PDB file of N, CA and C in Angstrom:
ATOM      1  N   MET A   1     -31.915 -61.165 -25.154  1.00  0.00           N
ATOM      2  CA  MET A   1     -32.215 -62.126 -26.228  1.00  0.00           C
ATOM      3  C   MET A   1     -33.239 -63.052 -25.754  1.00  0.00           C
ATOM      4  N   ARG A   2     -34.029 -63.388 -26.828  1.00  0.00           N
ATOM      5  CA  ARG A   2     -35.026 -64.356 -26.711  1.00  0.00           C
ATOM      6  C   ARG A   2     -34.716 -65.519 -27.778  1.00  0.00           C
ATOM      7  N   LEU A   3     -35.037 -66.633 -27.387  1.00  0.00           N
ATOM      8  CA  LEU A   3     -34.866 -68.047 -28.232  1.00  0.00           C
ATOM      9  C   LEU A   3     -35.785 -67.835 -29.429  1.00  0.00           C
ATOM     10  N   ASP A   4     -36.901 -67.368 -29.226  1.00  0.00           N
ATOM     11  CA  ASP A   4     -37.699 -67.416 -30.343  1.00  0.00           C
ATOM     12  C   ASP A   4     -37.475 -66.320 -31.649  1.00  0.00           C
ATOM     13  N   GLU A   5     -36.456 -65.509 -31.271  1.00  0.00           N
ATOM     14  CA  GLU A   5     -36.000 -64.737 -32.374  1.00  0.00           C
ATOM     15  C   GLU A   5     -35.374 -65.418 -33.659  1.00  0.00           C
ATOM     16  N   PHE A   6     -34.738 -66.668 -33.092  1.00  0.00           N
ATOM     17  CA  PHE A   6     -34.050 -67.421 -34.266  1.00  0.00           C
ATOM     18  C   PHE A   6     -35.130 -68.483 -34.883  1.00  0.00           C
ATOM     19  N   TYR A   7     -36.290 -68.746 -34.305  1.00  0.00           N
ATOM     20  CA  TYR A   7     -37.167 -69.843 -34.761  1.00  0.00           C
ATOM     21  C   TYR A   7     -37.878 -69.129 -36.001  1.00  0.00           C
ATOM     22  N   SER A   8     -37.906 -70.019 -36.948  1.00  0.00           N
ATOM     23  CA  SER A   8     -38.559 -69.883 -38.118  1.00  0.00           C
ATOM     24  C   SER A   8     -39.515 -70.885 -38.574  1.00  0.00           C
ATOM     25  N   PRO A   9     -40.705 -70.902 -38.577  1.00  0.00           N
ATOM     26  CA  PRO A   9     -41.733 -72.030 -38.764  1.00  0.00           C
ATOM     27  C   PRO A   9     -41.402 -72.745 -40.271  1.00  0.00           C
ATOM     28  N   GLU A  10     -40.794 -71.960 -41.129  1.00  0.00           N
ATOM     29  CA  GLU A  10     -40.760 -72.431 -42.413  1.00  0.00           C
ATOM     30  C   GLU A  10     -39.498 -73.361 -42.447  1.00  0.00           C
ATOM     31  N   ASP A  11     -38.447 -73.142 -41.450  1.00  0.00           N
ATOM     32  CA  ASP A  11     -37.457 -74.172 -41.459  1.00  0.00           C
ATOM     33  C   ASP A  11     -37.541 -75.106 -40.610  1.00  0.00           C
ATOM     34  N   ASP A  12     -38.734 -75.315 -39.805  1.00  0.00           N
ATOM     35  CA  ASP A  12     -38.749 -76.326 -39.168  1.00  0.00           C
ATOM     36  C   ASP A  12     -39.404 -77.493 -39.841  1.00  0.00           C
ATOM     37  N   GLN A  13     -38.444 -78.568 -39.692  1.00  0.00           N
ATOM     38  CA  GLN A  13     -38.984 -79.842 -40.530  1.00  0.00           C
ATOM     39  C   GLN A  13     -38.964 -81.061 -39.491  1.00  0.00           C
ATOM     40  N   HIS A  14     -38.955 -80.825 -38.219  1.00  0.00           N
ATOM     41  CA  HIS A  14     -38.981 -81.916 -37.211  1.00  0.00           C
ATOM     42  C   HIS A  14     -40.168 -82.696 -37.221  1.00  0.00           C
ATOM     43  N   ALA A  15     -41.283 -82.096 -37.453  1.00  0.00           N
ATOM     44  CA  ALA A  15     -42.601 -82.743 -37.379  1.00  0.00           C
ATOM     45  C   ALA A  15     -43.011 -83.538 -38.579  1.00  0.00           C
ATOM     46  N   GLN A  16     -42.445 -83.181 -39.836  1.00  0.00           N
ATOM     47  CA  GLN A  16     -42.561 -83.615 -40.953  1.00  0.00           C
ATOM     48  C   GLN A  16     -42.237 -85.136 -41.089  1.00  0.00           C
ATOM     49  N   ARG A  17     -43.166 -85.919 -41.614  1.00  0.00           N
ATOM     50  CA  ARG A  17     -42.614 -87.504 -41.652  1.00  0.00           C
ATOM     51  C   ARG A  17     -42.508 -87.708 -43.137  1.00  0.00           C
ATOM     52  N   LYS A  18     -41.724 -88.616 -43.763  1.00  0.00           N
ATOM     53  CA  LYS A  18     -41.652 -89.022 -45.065  1.00  0.00           C
ATOM     54  C   LYS A  18     -41.978 -90.461 -45.215  1.00  0.00           C
ATOM     55  N   GLU A  19     -42.173 -90.906 -46.449  1.00  0.00           N
ATOM     56  CA  GLU A  19     -42.586 -92.173 -46.678  1.00  0.00           C
ATOM     57  C   GLU A  19     -41.506 -93.284 -46.317  1.00  0.00           C
ATOM     58  N   THR A  20     -40.308 -92.671 -46.380  1.00  0.00           N
ATOM     59  CA  THR A  20     -39.307 -93.507 -46.083  1.00  0.00           C
ATOM     60  C   THR A  20     -39.035 -93.800 -44.509  1.00  0.00           C
ATOM     61  N   ASP A  21     -39.637 -92.920 -43.750  1.00  0.00           N
ATOM     62  CA  ASP A  21     -39.372 -92.949 -42.337  1.00  0.00           C
ATOM     63  C   ASP A  21     -40.141 -94.134 -41.808  1.00  0.00           C
ATOM     64  N   THR A  22     -39.177 -95.096 -41.053  1.00  0.00           N
ATOM     65  CA  THR A  22     -39.872 -96.354 -40.580  1.00  0.00           C
ATOM     66  C   THR A  22     -39.981 -96.382 -38.918  1.00  0.00           C
ATOM     67  N   ARG A  23     -39.875 -95.196 -38.448  1.00  0.00           N
ATOM     68  CA  ARG A  23     -40.172 -95.186 -36.972  1.00  0.00           C
ATOM     69  C   ARG A  23     -41.567 -95.148 -36.595  1.00  0.00           C
ATOM     70  N   LYS A  24     -41.898 -95.761 -35.562  1.00  0.00           N
ATOM     71  CA  LYS A  24     -43.357 -95.952 -35.139  1.00  0.00           C
ATOM     72  C   LYS A  24     -43.697 -94.340 -34.804  1.00  0.00           C
ATOM     73  N   SER A  25     -45.141 -94.087 -35.087  1.00  0.00           N
ATOM     74  CA  SER A  25     -45.515 -92.936 -34.689  1.00  0.00           C
ATOM     75  C   SER A  25     -45.911 -92.776 -33.279  1.00  0.00           C
ATOM     76  N   LYS A  26     -45.969 -91.618 -32.369  1.00  0.00           N
ATOM     77  CA  LYS A  26     -46.034 -91.465 -31.063  1.00  0.00           C
ATOM     78  C   LYS A  26     -47.555 -91.563 -30.976  1.00  0.00           C
ATOM     79  N   LEU A  27     -47.757 -92.203 -29.746  1.00  0.00           N
ATOM     80  CA  LEU A  27     -49.293 -92.518 -29.385  1.00  0.00           C
ATOM     81  C   LEU A  27     -49.685 -91.051 -28.679  1.00  0.00           C
ATOM     82  N   ARG A  28     -51.069 -90.884 -28.961  1.00  0.00           N
ATOM     83  CA  ARG A  28     -51.761 -89.675 -28.332  1.00  0.00           C
ATOM     84  C   ARG A  28     -52.347 -90.292 -27.138  1.00  0.00           C
ATOM     85  N   LEU A  29     -52.750 -89.215 -26.223  1.00  0.00           N
ATOM     86  CA  LEU A  29     -53.527 -89.487 -25.068  1.00  0.00           C
ATOM     87  C   LEU A  29     -54.678 -90.342 -25.406  1.00  0.00           C
ATOM     88  N   ARG A  30     -55.418 -89.679 -26.436  1.00  0.00           N
ATOM     89  CA  ARG A  30     -56.629 -90.463 -26.712  1.00  0.00           C
ATOM     90  C   ARG A  30     -56.463 -92.074 -27.013  1.00  0.00           C
ATOM     91  N   GLU A  31     -55.484 -92.264 -27.707  1.00  0.00           N
ATOM     92  CA  GLU A  31     -55.031 -93.649 -28.123  1.00  0.00           C
ATOM     93  C   GLU A  31     -54.549 -94.434 -26.789  1.00  0.00           C
ATOM     94  N   LEU A  32     -53.842 -93.739 -25.958  1.00  0.00           N
ATOM     95  CA  LEU A  32     -53.453 -94.420 -24.574  1.00  0.00           C
ATOM     96  C   LEU A  32     -54.591 -94.704 -24.053  1.00  0.00           C
ATOM     97  N   ASN A  33     -55.552 -93.692 -23.810  1.00  0.00           N
ATOM     98  CA  ASN A  33     -56.653 -94.084 -23.001  1.00  0.00           C
ATOM     99  C   ASN A  33     -57.672 -95.115 -23.481  1.00  0.00           C
ATOM    100  N   LYS A  34     -57.867 -95.303 -24.727  1.00  0.00           N
ATOM    101  CA  LYS A  34     -58.396 -96.426 -25.514  1.00  0.00           C
ATOM    102  C   LYS A  34     -57.630 -97.830 -25.095  1.00  0.00           C
ATOM    103  N   LEU A  35     -56.446 -97.846 -25.236  1.00  0.00           N
ATOM    104  CA  LEU A  35     -55.568 -98.894 -25.072  1.00  0.00           C
ATOM    105  C   LEU A  35     -56.014 -99.341 -23.415  1.00  0.00           C
ATOM    106  N   ARG A  36     -55.965 -98.484 -22.497  1.00  0.00           N
ATOM    107  CA  ARG A  36     -55.980 -98.639 -21.071  1.00  0.00           C
ATOM    108  C   ARG A  36     -57.362 -99.136 -20.890  1.00  0.00           C
ATOM    109  N   LYS A  37     -58.433 -98.655 -21.400  1.00  0.00           N
ATOM    110  CA  LYS A  37     -59.662 -99.085 -21.179  1.00  0.00           C
ATOM    111  C   LYS A  37     -60.018-100.531 -21.865  1.00  0.00           C
ATOM    112  N   TYR A  38     -59.365-100.747 -23.091  1.00  0.00           N
ATOM    113  CA  TYR A  38     -59.307-102.185 -23.728  1.00  0.00           C
ATOM    114  C   TYR A  38     -58.786-103.133 -22.591  1.00  0.00           C
ATOM    115  N   ARG A  39     -57.523-102.852 -22.213  1.00  0.00           N
ATOM    116  CA  ARG A  39     -56.910-103.679 -21.010  1.00  0.00           C
ATOM    117  C   ARG A  39     -57.645-103.847 -19.876  1.00  0.00           C
ATOM    118  N   GLU A  40     -58.417-102.831 -19.438  1.00  0.00           N
ATOM    119  CA  GLU A  40     -59.179-103.075 -18.227  1.00  0.00           C
ATOM    120  C   GLU A  40     -60.396-104.115 -18.483  1.00  0.00           C
ATOM    121  N   ILE A  41     -60.938-103.884 -19.708  1.00  0.00           N
ATOM    122  CA  ILE A  41     -62.006-104.890 -20.050  1.00  0.00           C
ATOM    123  C   ILE A  41     -61.608-106.183 -20.231  1.00  0.00           C
ATOM    124  N   LYS A  42     -60.474-106.400 -20.796  1.00  0.00           N
ATOM    125  CA  LYS A  42     -59.770-107.664 -20.868  1.00  0.00           C
ATOM    126  C   LYS A  42     -59.500-108.296 -19.703  1.00  0.00           C
ATOM    127  N   ASN A  43     -59.089-107.545 -18.851  1.00  0.00           N
ATOM    128  CA  ASN A  43     -58.812-108.133 -17.304  1.00  0.00           C
ATOM    129  C   ASN A  43     -60.000-108.498 -16.652  1.00  0.00           C
ATOM    130  N   LEU A  44     -61.235-107.783 -16.834  1.00  0.00           N
ATOM    131  CA  LEU A  44     -62.358-108.057 -16.054  1.00  0.00           C
ATOM    132  C   LEU A  44     -62.910-109.343 -16.886  1.00  0.00           C
ATOM    133  N   GLU A  45     -62.830-109.617 -18.123  1.00  0.00           N
ATOM    134  CA  GLU A  45     -63.495-110.564 -18.601  1.00  0.00           C
ATOM    135  C   GLU A  45     -62.496-111.945 -18.375  1.00  0.00           C
ATOM    136  N   LYS A  46     -61.301-111.673 -18.248  1.00  0.00           N
ATOM    137  CA  LYS A  46     -60.512-112.835 -17.724  1.00  0.00           C
ATOM    138  C   LYS A  46     -60.761-113.347 -16.225  1.00  0.00           C
ATOM    139  N   ILE A  47     -61.031-112.079 -15.294  1.00  0.00           N
ATOM    140  CA  ILE A  47     -61.610-112.695 -14.000  1.00  0.00           C
ATOM    141  C   ILE A  47     -62.861-113.266 -14.112  1.00  0.00           C
ATOM    142  N   GLU A  48     -63.733-113.003 -14.764  1.00  0.00           N
ATOM    143  CA  GLU A  48     -64.971-113.519 -14.856  1.00  0.00           C
ATOM    144  C   GLU A  48     -65.193-114.912 -15.445  1.00  0.00           C
ATOM    145  N   HIS A  49     -64.130-115.106 -16.469  1.00  0.00           N
ATOM    146  CA  HIS A  49     -64.068-116.397 -16.983  1.00  0.00           C
ATOM    147  C   HIS A  49     -63.296-117.326 -16.140  1.00  0.00           C
ATOM    148  N   ASP A  50     -62.318-116.893 -15.345  1.00  0.00           N
ATOM    149  CA  ASP A  50     -61.502-117.850 -14.377  1.00  0.00           C
ATOM    150  C   ASP A  50     -62.690-118.267 -13.232  1.00  0.00           C
ATOM    151  N   LYS A  51     -63.574-117.146 -12.819  1.00  0.00           N
ATOM    152  CA  LYS A  51     -64.426-117.574 -11.865  1.00  0.00           C
ATOM    153  C   LYS A  51     -65.443-118.593 -12.252  1.00  0.00           C
ATOM    154  N   PHE A  52     -65.995-118.394 -13.556  1.00  0.00           N
ATOM    155  CA  PHE A  52     -66.777-119.469 -14.355  1.00  0.00           C
ATOM    156  C   PHE A  52     -66.027-120.925 -14.296  1.00  0.00           C
ATOM    157  N   ALA A  53     -64.952-120.733 -14.675  1.00  0.00           N
ATOM    158  CA  ALA A  53     -64.136-122.113 -14.985  1.00  0.00           C
ATOM    159  C   ALA A  53     -63.930-122.756 -13.547  1.00  0.00           C
ATOM    160  N   ARG A  54     -63.708-122.066 -12.442  1.00  0.00           N
ATOM    161  CA  ARG A  54     -63.401-122.519 -11.102  1.00  0.00           C
ATOM    162  C   ARG A  54     -64.872-123.337 -10.512  1.00  0.00           C
ATOM    163  N   THR A  55     -65.893-122.571 -10.831  1.00  0.00           N
ATOM    164  CA  THR A  55     -67.113-123.330 -10.471  1.00  0.00           C
ATOM    165  C   THR A  55     -67.582-124.489 -11.477  1.00  0.00           C
ATOM    166  N   MET A  56     -67.229-124.383 -12.681  1.00  0.00           N
ATOM    167  CA  MET A  56     -67.608-125.461 -13.709  1.00  0.00           C
ATOM    168  C   MET A  56     -66.578-126.687 -13.292  1.00  0.00           C
ATOM    169  N   TYR A  57     -65.367-126.620 -12.908  1.00  0.00           N
ATOM    170  CA  TYR A  57     -64.622-127.576 -12.735  1.00  0.00           C
ATOM    171  C   TYR A  57     -64.206-127.853 -11.374  1.00  0.00           C
ATOM    172  N   ALA A  58     -65.059-127.377 -10.663  1.00  0.00           N
ATOM    173  CA  ALA A  58     -64.747-127.623  -9.018  1.00  0.00           C
ATOM    174  C   ALA A  58     -65.067-129.032  -8.646  1.00  0.00           C
ATOM    175  N   GLN A  59     -64.506-129.445  -7.647  1.00  0.00           N
ATOM    176  CA  GLN A  59     -64.918-130.875  -7.190  1.00  0.00           C
ATOM    177  C   GLN A  59     -66.180-130.945  -6.604  1.00  0.00           C
ATOM    178  N   PRO A  60     -67.179-131.933  -6.913  1.00  0.00           N
ATOM    179  CA  PRO A  60     -68.361-132.083  -6.495  1.00  0.00           C
ATOM    180  C   PRO A  60     -68.486-132.159  -5.059  1.00  0.00           C
ATOM    181  N   THR A  61     -69.540-131.513  -4.501  1.00  0.00           N
ATOM    182  CA  THR A  61     -69.748-131.734  -2.926  1.00  0.00           C
ATOM    183  C   THR A  61     -70.117-133.181  -2.559  1.00  0.00           C
ATOM    184  N   SER A  62     -70.028-133.559  -1.291  1.00  0.00           N
ATOM    185  CA  SER A  62     -70.071-134.930  -0.859  1.00  0.00           C
ATOM    186  C   SER A  62     -71.573-134.923  -0.292  1.00  0.00           C
ATOM    187  N   ASP A  63     -72.628-134.014  -0.577  1.00  0.00           N
ATOM    188  CA  ASP A  63     -73.964-134.051  -0.072  1.00  0.00           C
ATOM    189  C   ASP A  63     -74.588-135.183  -1.044  1.00  0.00           C
ATOM    190  N   ASN A  64     -75.541-135.909  -0.526  1.00  0.00           N
ATOM    191  CA  ASN A  64     -76.270-136.989  -1.128  1.00  0.00           C
ATOM    192  C   ASN A  64     -77.230-136.586  -2.273  1.00  0.00           C
ATOM    193  N   THR A  65     -76.993-135.545  -2.991  1.00  0.00           N
ATOM    194  CA  THR A  65     -77.953-135.275  -3.992  1.00  0.00           C
ATOM    195  C   THR A  65     -77.578-135.796  -5.289  1.00  0.00           C
ATOM    196  N   GLY A  66     -78.401-136.178  -6.246  1.00  0.00           N
ATOM    197  CA  GLY A  66     -78.112-137.020  -7.307  1.00  0.00           C
ATOM    198  C   GLY A  66     -78.171-138.369  -7.237  1.00  0.00           C
ATOM    199  N   ILE A  67     -77.280-139.238  -7.350  1.00  0.00           N
ATOM    200  CA  ILE A  67     -77.175-140.735  -7.161  1.00  0.00           C
ATOM    201  C   ILE A  67     -77.129-141.373  -5.805  1.00  0.00           C
TER     202      ILE A  67
END
């Protein structure tokens, strides 16, 4: 006996979504990959910004340049 003997595509309502369905849709691999890339870009931008802020707000050196 095979399990697909009892399967009928006409009776399959599992994938059907209704307007009253309030559940979130499942994310596809393409969407997950986009989110991963976005998160990586944001992390790189944060690292660059932190590096820039460290140099901008660093204590001045004690060499006699300037005044």
